[in-house]
Amino acid sequence: MVSKITRLLQKEFTNLHQAAFLLATSALLSQFLGLWRDRLLASGFGASHQLDIYYTAFRLPDLIYVSVASFVSITVHIPLIINKMETGGKPAVEKFLNSVLTVFLIGMVSVSALLFIFMPWLSKITAPGFSSVDQQTLVTLSRILLLSPLLLGLSNLLGGATQAFRKFAAYAFSPIFYNLGIIFGIFFFYPLLGLPGLVWGVILGAVLHLSIQLPVLSQLGLRLRLSRLINWPEMRKVMLISLPRTITLSANQLSLLVLVALASFLPKGSISVFNFSLNLQSVPLSIIGVSYSVAAFPVLAKFFVAGQHKEFAGEIIAAIRHIIFWSAPVVVLFIVLRAQIVRVILGSGRFDWSATRLTAACLAIFSVSVIAQSLILVLVRAYYAAGETKTPLIINSLSSLGTIILALILWQLFKVWPAFHLILEQILRLKDLPGTIILVLPLAFSIGAIINVFVLWWAFERRFAIGIWRNLEVVSLQSLVASLFGGFVAYNLLNVFSLYYKLDTFWSIFEQGFLAGILGLIAWISVLILLKSEELAELGRSLSARVWKVVPIVPEREEL
């Protein structure tokens, strides 16, 4: 097994789908640990005001991470490092990395110091609905978390170097150690330090995320240190390349910041419910959307640079086809099995039934936009591969602004138009449950993502005219029919199993949801076989190949 893993980490891409499967596999353990982390938090705190403060404390450090730390983005640096290696060897790479390291540290330390000083005023913006005592706690946690963008930014810089030299293992394992650090903080730091102990666990995770790569860097013979001789023209070039990505990610974080600020006015635990459901919907997004978009990016860039526009279009269509193929049944099953998913993953300790119902409803609303979010990732990277950054920057920024405006409109509609919230509560079975106004936030998020992908798709077709939809009609229809049938089977089986399972224990809820989900997937596959799905046939061919002979490029974190 060790020799197979070693060979895996030394091979190149040979197939988009195999690479995506490997990315998904490497992400599974990290996602599992992330879910365990959330279960521990839900069990220990419930949907509580303490967790509201904890999650809100991430908002400003997250914004700093995706803005300042984007300067050391892996996506930006790997091509530059490879070019340096080809033209000047390791001395040129080392000089480049030292310049980047120096500029990054100057920028990050300066911005972090300013935020540290002004955090008491900024906390009133990020959580205007908190009391003065809660804002003081928020200031303390946010100040500690300012260390995290620095550490993870440095880790991204090292990750770019190690992956450019085809040393993938360390960065692949780093997200796992990040979550282990947070879990350690829950078990050991919190009992000693209280709520600050949780964020010190995050800092420990960031330290581990960075530290695991240091031996690999030493093995490569690269010595990173501060540099007095900075190549400023080259650094300006790096900044200009990273700026569009920085603004795009920052816009997304700003929209989340505003949504959380609105949630601070809601009943205690609302921010926790919002974040728990957001984290749960991120699991299929990471495994499917991120995997295919990252798998496709280097291949897209290669085809476009070589002028192979037909192959460029084919690769985009292939990625989109398989995202729709995999995401459609996941979306349907997440909506049908939402209560079982939330209860199994989070439903223990202090996480009560009311919190479960609200989180499940928010998860269902978030899940509606999972396909849209995944396609946005592919289309944005396709633009980047073609060397165009302005269009996705403008569209995503306007979309984030639209999401904020939509959230404010829905907020008011919920308050002044009883029929609106009655319809929402009826659809999601939340009648007579307090705090349902939280639903408008994931609703605004999902509508914003769906509008975003349609505008991005339209702009992409105008620019490249590759006829995406003409190549997707069949797979979209097949996926929709098969997924809806699978969801119908799962939904009815839940009702049948409820007659035999007493839904008051972990295992009974797990077995009910698991059996309904598996049989729903079998129904999905059966319909696809009847419809002679080409995607299903490609899946079989990919699984029959020797996937141990390929290696994925590991994506970087896009939030703390």
Protein backbone atom coordinates (compact mmCIF):
# COMPACT_ATOMS: atom_id res chain seq x y z
CA MET A 1 0.00 0.00 0.00
CA VAL A 2 2.83 2.41 0.87
CA SER A 3 4.52 1.79 -2.48
CA LYS A 4 1.22 2.41 -4.30
CA ILE A 5 0.71 5.70 -2.50
CA THR A 6 4.30 6.68 -3.31
CA ARG A 7 3.76 5.95 -7.00
CA LEU A 8 0.46 7.83 -6.94
CA LEU A 9 2.15 10.98 -5.66
CA GLN A 10 4.80 10.89 -8.38
CA LYS A 11 2.58 10.55 -11.45
CA GLU A 12 1.02 13.06 -13.84
CA PHE A 13 -2.62 13.46 -14.90
CA THR A 14 -3.74 11.02 -17.59
CA ASN A 15 -7.52 11.38 -17.32
CA LEU A 16 -9.80 14.16 -16.05
CA HIS A 17 -12.23 11.83 -14.30
CA GLN A 18 -9.55 9.71 -12.63
CA ALA A 19 -7.86 12.86 -11.35
CA ALA A 20 -11.18 14.14 -10.03
CA PHE A 21 -11.87 10.81 -8.30
CA LEU A 22 -8.48 10.97 -6.62
CA LEU A 23 -9.07 14.55 -5.50
CA ALA A 24 -12.42 13.49 -4.10
CA THR A 25 -10.83 10.56 -2.28
CA SER A 26 -8.13 12.73 -0.74
CA ALA A 27 -10.83 15.18 0.39
CA LEU A 28 -13.03 12.51 1.98
CA LEU A 29 -10.97 12.02 5.13
CA SER A 30 -10.66 15.77 5.65
CA GLN A 31 -14.42 16.14 5.14
CA PHE A 32 -15.07 13.30 7.59
CA LEU A 33 -12.92 15.01 10.20
CA GLY A 34 -14.71 18.29 9.47
CA LEU A 35 -18.06 16.61 10.10
CA TRP A 36 -16.73 15.05 13.32
CA ARG A 37 -15.53 18.52 14.35
CA ASP A 38 -19.02 19.93 13.75
CA ARG A 39 -20.62 17.04 15.64
CA LEU A 40 -18.39 17.72 18.64
CA LEU A 41 -19.31 21.42 18.55
CA ALA A 42 -23.03 20.66 18.15
CA SER A 43 -22.94 18.10 20.94
CA GLY A 44 -21.03 20.31 23.36
CA PHE A 45 -22.74 23.63 22.67
CA GLY A 46 -25.93 23.01 20.68
CA ALA A 47 -27.21 25.85 18.52
CA SER A 48 -26.07 28.30 21.17
CA HIS A 49 -24.98 31.90 21.47
CA GLN A 50 -21.47 30.75 22.36
CA LEU A 51 -21.16 29.08 18.97
CA ASP A 52 -22.70 32.16 17.34
CA ILE A 53 -19.78 34.20 18.69
CA TYR A 54 -17.26 31.52 17.70
CA TYR A 55 -18.46 31.33 14.07
CA THR A 56 -18.77 35.11 13.73
CA ALA A 57 -15.15 35.48 14.87
CA PHE A 58 -14.04 33.85 11.59
CA ARG A 59 -15.62 36.42 9.32
CA LEU A 60 -12.93 39.14 9.30
CA PRO A 61 -9.94 36.71 9.40
CA ASP A 62 -11.58 34.81 6.52
CA LEU A 63 -11.83 38.05 4.57
CA ILE A 64 -8.16 38.82 5.22
CA TYR A 65 -7.18 35.29 4.22
CA VAL A 66 -8.86 35.44 0.81
CA SER A 67 -7.63 38.97 0.14
CA VAL A 68 -4.04 39.41 1.40
CA ALA A 69 -3.19 35.70 1.37
CA SER A 70 -4.34 35.37 -2.25
CA PHE A 71 -0.96 36.90 -3.09
CA VAL A 72 0.52 33.49 -2.25
CA SER A 73 -2.19 31.52 -4.05
CA ILE A 74 -1.17 28.10 -5.35
CA THR A 75 -3.17 28.73 -8.52
CA VAL A 76 -1.04 31.80 -9.23
CA HIS A 77 2.35 30.50 -8.13
CA ILE A 78 2.68 27.00 -9.58
CA PRO A 79 3.01 28.18 -13.23
CA LEU A 80 5.47 30.91 -12.18
CA ILE A 81 7.60 28.51 -10.13
CA ILE A 82 7.68 25.97 -12.97
CA ASN A 83 8.78 28.73 -15.37
CA LYS A 84 11.54 29.81 -12.95
CA MET A 85 12.73 26.22 -12.62
CA GLU A 86 12.93 25.79 -16.39
CA THR A 87 14.79 29.06 -16.98
CA GLY A 88 17.00 29.46 -13.90
CA GLY A 89 16.85 26.26 -11.86
CA LYS A 90 16.49 26.09 -8.07
CA PRO A 91 18.45 29.33 -7.38
CA ALA A 92 15.89 31.30 -9.43
CA VAL A 93 12.99 29.54 -7.66
CA GLU A 94 14.51 30.24 -4.26
CA LYS A 95 15.04 33.93 -5.08
CA PHE A 96 11.45 34.24 -6.33
CA LEU A 97 9.98 32.53 -3.28
CA ASN A 98 12.04 34.67 -0.91
CA SER A 99 10.75 37.83 -2.57
CA VAL A 100 7.16 36.59 -2.34
CA LEU A 101 7.69 35.56 1.29
CA THR A 102 9.04 38.98 2.24
CA VAL A 103 6.28 40.95 0.50
CA PHE A 104 3.59 38.66 1.90
CA LEU A 105 4.85 38.97 5.48
CA ILE A 106 5.07 42.76 5.23
CA GLY A 107 1.53 42.98 3.87
CA MET A 108 -0.05 40.41 6.18
CA VAL A 109 1.59 41.69 9.37
CA SER A 110 0.66 45.29 8.52
CA VAL A 111 -2.99 44.48 7.77
CA SER A 112 -3.30 42.17 10.78
CA ALA A 113 -1.85 44.84 13.08
CA LEU A 114 -4.39 47.39 11.85
CA LEU A 115 -7.24 44.94 12.30
CA PHE A 116 -5.99 44.06 15.77
CA ILE A 117 -6.13 47.72 16.75
CA PHE A 118 -9.51 48.50 15.17
CA MET A 119 -11.20 45.18 16.01
CA PRO A 120 -13.44 46.72 18.73
CA TRP A 121 -15.00 49.01 16.10
CA LEU A 122 -15.08 46.37 13.36
CA SER A 123 -16.87 43.88 15.62
CA LYS A 124 -19.83 46.27 15.77
CA ILE A 125 -20.08 45.94 11.97
CA THR A 126 -19.69 42.16 11.81
CA ALA A 127 -22.20 41.50 14.61
CA PRO A 128 -24.33 44.60 15.18
CA GLY A 129 -26.98 42.54 16.95
CA PHE A 130 -24.62 41.31 19.69
CA SER A 131 -24.55 42.85 23.16
CA SER A 132 -21.49 44.83 24.27
CA VAL A 133 -20.32 41.89 26.41
CA ASP A 134 -20.62 39.47 23.48
CA GLN A 135 -18.76 41.89 21.22
CA GLN A 136 -15.88 42.02 23.69
CA THR A 137 -15.64 38.22 23.52
CA LEU A 138 -15.89 38.44 19.72
CA VAL A 139 -12.97 40.90 19.67
CA THR A 140 -10.80 38.50 21.71
CA LEU A 141 -11.54 35.51 19.46
CA SER A 142 -11.13 37.49 16.23
CA ARG A 143 -7.78 38.86 17.36
CA ILE A 144 -6.48 35.35 18.07
CA LEU A 145 -7.72 34.13 14.69
CA LEU A 146 -5.70 36.81 12.90
CA LEU A 147 -2.76 34.40 13.24
CA SER A 148 -4.52 31.87 11.03
CA PRO A 149 -4.38 33.79 7.68
CA LEU A 150 -0.66 34.33 8.24
CA LEU A 151 0.04 30.65 8.90
CA LEU A 152 -2.19 29.31 6.14
CA GLY A 153 -0.81 31.87 3.69
CA LEU A 154 2.71 30.64 4.41
CA SER A 155 1.46 27.07 3.99
CA ASN A 156 0.03 27.95 0.57
CA LEU A 157 3.38 29.44 -0.44
CA LEU A 158 5.16 26.22 0.54
CA GLY A 159 2.41 24.16 -1.09
CA GLY A 160 2.95 25.95 -4.38
CA ALA A 161 6.67 25.10 -4.23
CA THR A 162 6.24 21.45 -3.25
CA GLN A 163 3.54 20.79 -5.83
CA ALA A 164 5.52 22.52 -8.58
CA PHE A 165 8.27 19.98 -7.82
CA ARG A 166 5.66 17.17 -7.91
CA LYS A 167 5.79 16.56 -4.14
CA PHE A 168 2.06 16.33 -3.48
CA ALA A 169 1.71 14.23 -0.34
CA ALA A 170 2.43 16.88 2.28
CA TYR A 171 -0.09 19.41 1.02
CA ALA A 172 -2.65 16.63 0.48
CA PHE A 173 -2.38 15.68 4.16
CA SER A 174 -2.32 19.26 5.49
CA PRO A 175 -6.14 19.79 5.60
CA ILE A 176 -6.44 16.59 7.64
CA PHE A 177 -3.98 17.91 10.21
CA TYR A 178 -5.79 21.26 10.21
CA ASN A 179 -9.01 19.60 11.31
CA LEU A 180 -7.14 17.43 13.81
CA GLY A 181 -5.78 20.59 15.42
CA ILE A 182 -9.30 22.01 15.80
CA ILE A 183 -10.56 18.73 17.27
CA PHE A 184 -7.63 18.74 19.71
CA GLY A 185 -8.65 22.24 20.76
CA ILE A 186 -12.22 21.07 21.44
CA PHE A 187 -11.04 18.21 23.64
CA PHE A 188 -8.12 19.84 25.46
CA PHE A 189 -7.94 23.63 25.03
CA TYR A 190 -11.60 24.44 25.64
CA PRO A 191 -11.76 22.79 29.10
CA LEU A 192 -8.70 24.84 30.12
CA LEU A 193 -9.31 28.19 28.41
CA GLY A 194 -13.02 28.31 27.66
CA LEU A 195 -14.21 29.74 24.33
CA PRO A 196 -10.75 31.12 23.39
CA GLY A 197 -9.52 27.54 23.62
CA LEU A 198 -11.60 26.67 20.56
CA VAL A 199 -9.87 29.27 18.40
CA TRP A 200 -6.46 28.28 19.77
CA GLY A 201 -7.30 24.85 18.37
CA VAL A 202 -7.79 26.52 14.97
CA ILE A 203 -4.36 28.11 15.33
CA LEU A 204 -2.86 24.73 16.21
CA GLY A 205 -4.46 23.30 13.07
CA ALA A 206 -2.95 26.10 10.98
CA VAL A 207 0.49 25.43 12.54
CA LEU A 208 0.18 21.74 11.62
CA HIS A 209 -1.03 22.66 8.12
CA LEU A 210 2.22 24.60 7.67
CA SER A 211 4.64 22.37 9.59
CA ILE A 212 3.95 19.16 7.68
CA GLN A 213 5.42 20.74 4.55
CA LEU A 214 8.69 21.95 6.05
CA PRO A 215 10.52 18.56 5.76
CA VAL A 216 9.56 18.34 2.07
CA LEU A 217 10.89 21.85 1.47
CA SER A 218 14.14 20.87 3.18
CA GLN A 219 14.35 17.72 1.04
CA LEU A 220 14.05 19.87 -2.07
CA GLY A 221 16.98 21.95 -0.90
CA LEU A 222 15.00 25.21 -0.87
CA ARG A 223 15.90 27.68 1.90
CA LEU A 224 13.28 30.33 2.47
CA ARG A 225 14.27 33.52 4.25
CA LEU A 226 13.52 37.24 4.20
CA SER A 227 15.08 39.05 1.29
CA ARG A 228 16.44 42.58 1.04
CA LEU A 229 16.71 42.41 -2.75
CA ILE A 230 13.09 42.22 -3.86
CA ASN A 231 12.29 42.12 -7.55
CA TRP A 232 9.47 44.69 -7.35
CA PRO A 233 8.48 44.58 -11.05
CA GLU A 234 8.01 40.83 -10.74
CA MET A 235 6.08 41.21 -7.47
CA ARG A 236 3.77 43.73 -9.12
CA LYS A 237 3.15 41.16 -11.86
CA VAL A 238 2.22 38.56 -9.23
CA MET A 239 -0.13 41.06 -7.57
CA LEU A 240 -1.82 41.87 -10.87
CA ILE A 241 -2.29 38.16 -11.62
CA SER A 242 -3.72 37.42 -8.17
CA LEU A 243 -5.87 40.57 -7.92
CA PRO A 244 -8.93 39.31 -9.87
CA ARG A 245 -9.05 36.10 -7.84
CA THR A 246 -8.62 38.14 -4.67
CA ILE A 247 -11.53 40.46 -5.46
CA THR A 248 -13.75 37.54 -6.52
CA LEU A 249 -13.17 35.58 -3.30
CA SER A 250 -13.38 38.73 -1.19
CA ALA A 251 -16.79 39.53 -2.70
CA ASN A 252 -18.04 36.09 -1.67
CA GLN A 253 -16.72 36.54 1.85
CA LEU A 254 -18.28 40.01 2.09
CA SER A 255 -21.69 38.58 1.21
CA LEU A 256 -21.30 35.92 3.91
CA LEU A 257 -20.15 38.60 6.36
CA VAL A 258 -23.33 40.60 5.72
CA LEU A 259 -25.55 37.51 6.01
CA VAL A 260 -23.99 36.66 9.37
CA ALA A 261 -24.35 40.29 10.49
CA LEU A 262 -28.08 40.04 9.71
CA ALA A 263 -28.28 36.74 11.60
CA SER A 264 -26.81 38.46 14.68
CA PHE A 265 -30.20 40.20 15.11
CA LEU A 266 -32.04 36.86 15.15
CA PRO A 267 -32.69 34.53 18.12
CA LYS A 268 -29.64 33.01 19.76
CA GLY A 269 -28.28 30.03 17.85
CA SER A 270 -29.28 31.35 14.42
CA ILE A 271 -25.68 31.93 13.29
CA SER A 272 -24.81 28.40 14.44
CA VAL A 273 -27.70 26.94 12.42
CA PHE A 274 -26.61 28.95 9.37
CA ASN A 275 -22.98 27.79 9.63
CA PHE A 276 -23.79 24.15 10.36
CA SER A 277 -26.04 23.93 7.28
CA LEU A 278 -23.48 25.81 5.15
CA ASN A 279 -20.77 23.35 6.22
CA LEU A 280 -22.96 20.35 5.42
CA GLN A 281 -23.79 21.57 1.91
CA SER A 282 -20.08 22.22 1.37
CA VAL A 283 -19.35 18.48 1.58
CA PRO A 284 -20.78 17.54 -1.87
CA LEU A 285 -19.56 20.88 -3.23
CA SER A 286 -15.98 20.07 -2.18
CA ILE A 287 -16.05 16.45 -3.28
CA ILE A 288 -17.72 17.05 -6.65
CA GLY A 289 -17.48 20.72 -7.68
CA VAL A 290 -14.00 21.50 -6.38
CA SER A 291 -12.60 18.15 -7.53
CA TYR A 292 -13.71 18.48 -11.15
CA SER A 293 -12.89 22.18 -11.43
CA VAL A 294 -9.37 21.71 -10.04
CA ALA A 295 -8.87 18.58 -12.13
CA ALA A 296 -9.86 20.43 -15.29
CA PHE A 297 -7.87 23.64 -14.74
CA PRO A 298 -4.34 22.60 -15.84
CA VAL A 299 -5.70 20.70 -18.82
CA LEU A 300 -7.83 23.67 -19.89
CA ALA A 301 -4.86 26.02 -19.60
CA LYS A 302 -2.68 23.66 -21.66
CA PHE A 303 -5.27 23.35 -24.46
CA PHE A 304 -5.95 27.09 -24.63
CA VAL A 305 -2.27 28.07 -24.73
CA ALA A 306 -1.67 25.49 -27.47
CA GLY A 307 -4.54 26.93 -29.50
CA GLN A 308 -6.50 23.66 -29.27
CA HIS A 309 -9.86 25.35 -28.86
CA LYS A 310 -11.89 22.29 -29.79
CA GLU A 311 -10.20 20.26 -27.05
CA PHE A 312 -10.59 23.24 -24.68
CA ALA A 313 -14.35 23.24 -25.30
CA GLY A 314 -14.53 19.46 -24.96
CA GLU A 315 -12.82 19.51 -21.59
CA ILE A 316 -15.21 22.16 -20.25
CA ILE A 317 -18.24 20.23 -21.48
CA ALA A 318 -16.88 16.98 -19.99
CA ALA A 319 -16.38 18.61 -16.58
CA ILE A 320 -19.86 20.17 -16.60
CA ARG A 321 -21.50 16.92 -17.74
CA HIS A 322 -19.98 14.95 -14.89
CA ILE A 323 -20.71 17.63 -12.30
CA ILE A 324 -24.40 17.54 -13.28
CA PHE A 325 -24.32 13.73 -13.39
CA TRP A 326 -22.98 13.40 -9.82
CA SER A 327 -24.55 16.45 -8.21
CA ALA A 328 -28.17 15.91 -9.29
CA PRO A 329 -28.80 12.75 -7.20
CA VAL A 330 -26.86 14.22 -4.27
CA VAL A 331 -29.00 17.37 -4.29
CA VAL A 332 -32.24 15.37 -4.40
CA LEU A 333 -31.15 12.96 -1.65
CA PHE A 334 -29.87 15.80 0.55
CA ILE A 335 -33.30 17.43 0.32
CA VAL A 336 -35.21 14.19 0.94
CA LEU A 337 -32.90 12.92 3.72
CA ARG A 338 -32.10 16.32 5.25
CA ALA A 339 -33.47 15.52 8.71
CA GLN A 340 -31.65 12.17 8.86
CA ILE A 341 -28.38 13.76 7.67
CA VAL A 342 -28.51 16.53 10.26
CA ARG A 343 -29.66 14.24 13.06
CA VAL A 344 -26.94 11.65 12.40
CA ILE A 345 -24.10 14.14 11.98
CA LEU A 346 -25.05 16.83 14.49
CA GLY A 347 -27.89 15.41 16.59
CA SER A 348 -26.27 14.60 19.90
CA GLY A 349 -25.80 16.22 23.29
CA ARG A 350 -27.19 19.74 23.40
CA PHE A 351 -28.25 19.88 19.76
CA ASP A 352 -32.01 19.61 20.20
CA TRP A 353 -34.85 18.75 17.80
CA SER A 354 -35.74 22.40 17.08
CA ALA A 355 -32.15 23.11 16.03
CA THR A 356 -32.20 19.93 13.93
CA ARG A 357 -35.35 20.99 12.08
CA LEU A 358 -34.04 24.51 11.36
CA THR A 359 -30.63 23.24 10.25
CA ALA A 360 -32.24 20.59 8.02
CA ALA A 361 -34.46 23.22 6.39
CA CYS A 362 -31.49 25.52 5.75
CA LEU A 363 -29.53 22.56 4.37
CA ALA A 364 -32.34 21.79 1.91
CA ILE A 365 -32.34 25.41 0.68
CA PHE A 366 -28.54 25.51 0.38
CA SER A 367 -28.57 22.15 -1.47
CA VAL A 368 -30.74 23.57 -4.25
CA SER A 369 -27.77 25.66 -5.39
CA VAL A 370 -25.01 23.02 -5.09
CA ILE A 371 -25.02 22.35 -8.85
CA ALA A 372 -24.92 26.10 -9.55
CA GLN A 373 -22.04 26.61 -7.10
CA SER A 374 -20.10 23.73 -8.68
CA LEU A 375 -20.62 25.04 -12.22
CA ILE A 376 -19.47 28.51 -11.14
CA LEU A 377 -16.17 26.96 -10.01
CA VAL A 378 -15.66 25.30 -13.40
CA LEU A 379 -16.62 28.34 -15.49
CA VAL A 380 -14.46 30.72 -13.45
CA ARG A 381 -11.44 28.42 -13.79
CA ALA A 382 -12.15 28.08 -17.51
CA TYR A 383 -11.98 31.87 -17.78
CA TYR A 384 -8.72 31.87 -15.80
CA ALA A 385 -7.28 29.13 -18.04
CA ALA A 386 -8.07 31.35 -21.04
CA GLY A 387 -6.25 34.25 -19.39
CA GLU A 388 -9.45 36.25 -18.82
CA THR A 389 -10.15 37.45 -15.29
CA LYS A 390 -12.21 40.61 -15.73
CA THR A 391 -15.54 39.00 -16.68
CA PRO A 392 -15.83 36.51 -13.76
CA LEU A 393 -14.63 39.25 -11.41
CA ILE A 394 -17.43 41.62 -12.47
CA ILE A 395 -20.14 38.95 -12.56
CA ASN A 396 -19.23 37.39 -9.19
CA SER A 397 -18.89 40.79 -7.52
CA LEU A 398 -22.29 41.93 -8.81
CA SER A 399 -23.74 38.57 -7.78
CA SER A 400 -22.46 38.98 -4.24
CA LEU A 401 -23.95 42.47 -4.08
CA GLY A 402 -27.21 41.07 -5.46
CA THR A 403 -27.23 38.35 -2.79
CA ILE A 404 -26.93 40.99 -0.07
CA ILE A 405 -29.74 43.10 -1.56
CA LEU A 406 -31.91 40.02 -2.01
CA ALA A 407 -31.35 39.00 1.61
CA LEU A 408 -32.53 42.43 2.79
CA ILE A 409 -35.62 42.23 0.54
CA LEU A 410 -36.52 38.71 1.69
CA TRP A 411 -35.92 39.77 5.30
CA GLN A 412 -38.52 42.51 4.96
CA LEU A 413 -40.94 40.27 3.02
CA PHE A 414 -40.78 37.68 5.78
CA LYS A 415 -41.72 40.33 8.36
CA VAL A 416 -44.49 42.16 6.50
CA TRP A 417 -46.02 39.44 4.29
CA PRO A 418 -47.33 36.52 6.40
CA ALA A 419 -48.08 34.39 3.34
CA PHE A 420 -44.38 34.33 2.42
CA HIS A 421 -43.14 32.78 5.64
CA LEU A 422 -46.21 30.52 5.89
CA ILE A 423 -45.37 29.06 2.45
CA LEU A 424 -41.73 28.52 3.46
CA GLU A 425 -42.73 26.90 6.73
CA GLN A 426 -45.31 24.70 5.01
CA ILE A 427 -42.91 23.47 2.31
CA LEU A 428 -40.18 22.70 4.83
CA ARG A 429 -42.52 21.41 7.54
CA LEU A 430 -41.61 24.01 10.13
CA LYS A 431 -45.07 25.04 11.24
CA ASP A 432 -45.15 26.75 14.65
CA LEU A 433 -41.35 26.59 15.00
CA PRO A 434 -39.75 29.85 16.22
CA GLY A 435 -36.76 31.42 14.45
CA THR A 436 -37.74 30.45 10.89
CA ILE A 437 -36.70 33.88 9.60
CA ILE A 438 -33.17 32.40 9.36
CA LEU A 439 -34.41 30.64 6.19
CA VAL A 440 -34.23 33.86 4.18
CA LEU A 441 -30.42 33.89 4.43
CA PRO A 442 -29.72 30.53 2.70
CA LEU A 443 -32.58 31.35 0.32
CA ALA A 444 -30.87 34.59 -0.73
CA PHE A 445 -27.54 32.75 -1.01
CA SER A 446 -28.99 30.00 -3.25
CA ILE A 447 -30.95 32.35 -5.50
CA GLY A 448 -27.83 34.51 -5.87
CA ALA A 449 -25.73 31.48 -6.86
CA ILE A 450 -28.30 30.30 -9.42
CA ILE A 451 -28.54 33.75 -11.03
CA ASN A 452 -24.75 33.98 -10.96
CA VAL A 453 -24.24 30.73 -12.88
CA PHE A 454 -26.80 31.65 -15.55
CA VAL A 455 -25.17 35.04 -16.15
CA LEU A 456 -21.68 33.50 -16.12
CA TRP A 457 -22.83 30.78 -18.53
CA TRP A 458 -24.40 33.35 -20.87
CA ALA A 459 -21.24 35.50 -20.85
CA PHE A 460 -19.06 32.43 -21.41
CA GLU A 461 -21.10 31.35 -24.43
CA ARG A 462 -20.95 34.85 -25.90
CA ARG A 463 -17.18 34.87 -25.56
CA PHE A 464 -16.28 31.31 -26.62
CA ALA A 465 -19.40 30.08 -28.47
CA ILE A 466 -18.75 26.41 -27.68
CA GLY A 467 -22.42 25.37 -27.47
CA ILE A 468 -22.41 24.03 -23.93
CA TRP A 469 -26.16 23.55 -23.68
CA ARG A 470 -26.41 21.64 -26.96
CA ASN A 471 -23.99 19.09 -25.51
CA LEU A 472 -25.76 18.92 -22.15
CA GLU A 473 -29.41 18.44 -23.08
CA VAL A 474 -29.25 14.65 -22.90
CA VAL A 475 -27.24 14.33 -19.69
CA SER A 476 -29.33 17.03 -17.97
CA LEU A 477 -32.61 15.34 -18.85
CA GLN A 478 -31.32 11.88 -17.92
CA SER A 479 -29.89 13.12 -14.62
CA LEU A 480 -33.07 14.99 -13.75
CA VAL A 481 -35.36 12.03 -14.47
CA ALA A 482 -33.12 9.48 -12.74
CA SER A 483 -32.47 11.70 -9.71
CA LEU A 484 -36.14 12.58 -9.20
CA PHE A 485 -37.06 8.89 -9.41
CA GLY A 486 -34.31 8.03 -6.92
CA GLY A 487 -35.56 10.77 -4.59
CA PHE A 488 -39.16 9.52 -4.97
CA VAL A 489 -38.06 6.00 -3.98
CA ALA A 490 -36.03 7.26 -1.01
CA TYR A 491 -38.87 9.50 0.22
CA ASN A 492 -41.44 6.70 0.17
CA LEU A 493 -39.06 4.23 1.77
CA LEU A 494 -38.51 6.68 4.64
CA ASN A 495 -42.24 6.52 5.32
CA VAL A 496 -42.20 2.73 5.16
CA PHE A 497 -39.14 2.37 7.42
CA SER A 498 -40.65 4.76 9.96
CA LEU A 499 -43.20 2.01 10.71
CA TYR A 500 -40.41 -0.36 11.77
CA TYR A 501 -37.74 1.92 13.24
CA LYS A 502 -38.11 3.79 16.50
CA LEU A 503 -36.50 7.08 15.51
CA ASP A 504 -35.12 7.92 18.95
CA THR A 505 -31.59 6.50 18.71
CA PHE A 506 -28.57 7.27 16.54
CA TRP A 507 -28.46 3.85 14.89
CA SER A 508 -32.15 3.68 14.09
CA ILE A 509 -32.03 7.10 12.38
CA PHE A 510 -28.80 6.16 10.61
CA GLU A 511 -30.17 2.84 9.36
CA GLN A 512 -33.39 4.43 8.15
CA GLY A 513 -31.57 7.19 6.24
CA PHE A 514 -28.80 4.89 4.97
CA LEU A 515 -31.15 2.22 3.61
CA ALA A 516 -33.45 4.80 2.00
CA GLY A 517 -30.46 6.57 0.47
CA ILE A 518 -28.81 3.40 -0.87
CA LEU A 519 -32.03 2.11 -2.38
CA GLY A 520 -32.66 5.58 -3.85
CA LEU A 521 -29.21 5.45 -5.49
CA ILE A 522 -29.93 1.97 -6.83
CA ALA A 523 -33.13 3.34 -8.35
CA TRP A 524 -31.11 6.24 -9.83
CA ILE A 525 -28.58 3.86 -11.40
CA SER A 526 -31.34 1.59 -12.71
CA VAL A 527 -32.99 4.46 -14.57
CA LEU A 528 -29.62 5.55 -15.99
CA ILE A 529 -29.00 2.01 -17.24
CA LEU A 530 -32.40 1.97 -18.92
CA LEU A 531 -31.64 5.34 -20.51
CA LYS A 532 -28.17 4.09 -21.61
CA SER A 533 -26.34 6.92 -19.88
CA GLU A 534 -22.96 7.69 -21.46
CA GLU A 535 -21.72 9.16 -18.15
CA LEU A 536 -22.42 5.87 -16.38
CA ALA A 537 -20.49 4.02 -19.09
CA GLU A 538 -17.55 6.45 -18.72
CA LEU A 539 -17.63 5.87 -14.96
CA GLY A 540 -17.24 2.15 -15.51
CA ARG A 541 -14.32 2.65 -17.89
CA SER A 542 -12.57 5.02 -15.47
CA LEU A 543 -12.96 2.65 -12.52
CA SER A 544 -11.60 -0.23 -14.56
CA ALA A 545 -8.38 1.69 -15.23
CA ARG A 546 -5.43 1.76 -12.85
CA VAL A 547 -6.15 4.97 -10.95
CA TRP A 548 -3.07 4.48 -8.78
CA LYS A 549 -1.01 5.77 -11.70
CA VAL A 550 -2.26 9.35 -11.57
CA VAL A 551 -1.90 12.20 -9.11
CA PRO A 552 -4.11 15.20 -8.49
CA ILE A 553 -2.95 18.74 -7.84
CA VAL A 554 -4.27 19.49 -4.37
CA PRO A 555 -6.45 22.62 -4.11
CA GLU A 556 -5.75 25.24 -1.48
CA ARG A 557 -8.17 26.30 1.23
CA GLU A 558 -10.42 29.21 0.29
CA GLU A 559 -11.41 30.02 3.89
CA LEU A 560 -10.14 29.35 7.41
